[in-house]
Amino acid sequence: MKPYNLIVIAVVFSTVAAPLSAQTTAPSEPWSDTIFPEDFFLDTNLEYSKHVLSLQRGVTDRAAYQLNAYGNGQLETGKIYFSGHLSFSHYNERTDTAGKFPILGRFPDQHTSGKTANESIIDNINLSLTYAPNDWVSIYLGGIYTELEFPGQDDKQLREAAITIGNLKKTPFYLSLGRKTVNFGNMQSYNPTTHSVTNHYYRTDTDDLAAEFGYLTEDWHLTFTAIDGNRQLRVADTTSNGSFGNYALSAQRNFKVSDWDVSVGAGYLNSTIYDSDAANHPGISPDTLTMRDRNGAYDMWVEAKNGKWSFMAEYTKTERAWPATGRAVEALTLQAAYDTELWGKDTRFSLAYGRGEQGYEKDSFHELEQLATGAEMWVTPNFSISAEYVYNRAFVPLIMISRASDPGVDTHTFIISGKVFF
């Protein structure tokens, strides 16, 4: 897409969204938007949209965030909340090996020749509806359009559709049913646009029904998620396609350490895609599978926040070796962020390091590394601009990994992005 087309889209989207994001100053209604009359059935909430539609911020906690939003008065029952998000970017990529551009979030066939690439694209457009007819039931529908769809998938998808039953004012227990991101790991990214190595390796989205049973308080969040068998959209996979043939566990503890707000989490996914002697990705023709052996994964993470500072670490590893590489698959993410004001605008500076490892030092697919630093400024409450530099070492596509990998690749990517929410 040409850059000026992106600018036109952004201006239109931002113009429409700006009045939607205007927050009332009435102390009794700190969460309401002013575009619609108070008693109207349709409403918007900017802070809610920023969390549930961001691909960087709220990843695995959708059900919990919705329950808290209704529990603390951020959202009102009986209203339909309409949320929107647009992310558009210009990528300037430079590699020292022709045709190999390993930036995460792109696919190996995105650029297949030359040592430089420039592209302006819509990363995604997200629209969602949230509705709670009463204090016990809430419904969420989330759709996405992207120009970075996985081969074989549609550029327009109903990515999430779930119903959540629970009322935190009455009980800490809840049930969430539908197509959704599984509560396994944290998976968030402090980067403005590029996702983390851990997210790239282990984020778990379902294509079929999942049932999340949860326990949620101020201090604890415990979940058990039953997942249909067979290959899901991302990471979850089993050798059979039986109903609820897979599952995930997650535990999170929140507490204070001096002036720091600390969250510690751990999780387990019973069966992953790292279970066969060839990468198994839907929508394309992978290598022939000759053997499969269930391979689960463990995840551990910690996040600490104190005023303007945020720090996070996440580590995930399979139970046993991936038959395709002969070694367990590990992913590590370390990141930090500093929130401040620049020229009177809320601004975040971020730094993130990630490493994925799945082979031995002698293997061409031994490991990959990513280092990203970025800055994002909120020009208005609903519109941000960002700049990001990303260094990637090694070209290790997880499909055809033993034939296409090249450990000697070094790339430098500059990303200029804009985001709009309402």
Foldseek 3Di string as FASTA:
>chain_A
DDPVVVVVVVVVQQVVCVQQADADPPPVQRFFRDPDPPPDQEGEGFVLLCQPVDPFHNAACVLVVVQVCPQVVNDDARHKYKKKKWKKKKKKKFKPDAQFGAAPLAASVPGGGDGIDIDIFTQKIKIKIWHHNDQFKIWIWMKMAGPRDDAQDHRIDRQWTKMKGDHVVVFQKIKIKTWGWHNAARQHHPAPDGGAQCVRQATGTFPTMKMWIWGDDPFKIWIKIQHFEADGQFWGHDPDGHGSPWMKIKMKGWDDDPQKTKIKMKMKTFFTQLFFLFRDHPNDDAPDTDDGDGKMKMKIKMWIDHVQKIWMKMKMWIPAARNNARGIKIKIKTKMKGWDDDPNWIKIKMKMKMKIARHDPVALQGMKIKIKIKMWTDPDSFKIKMKMKMKIAWRARRGVRRPPTGRHMIMIMIMIMMMGMD
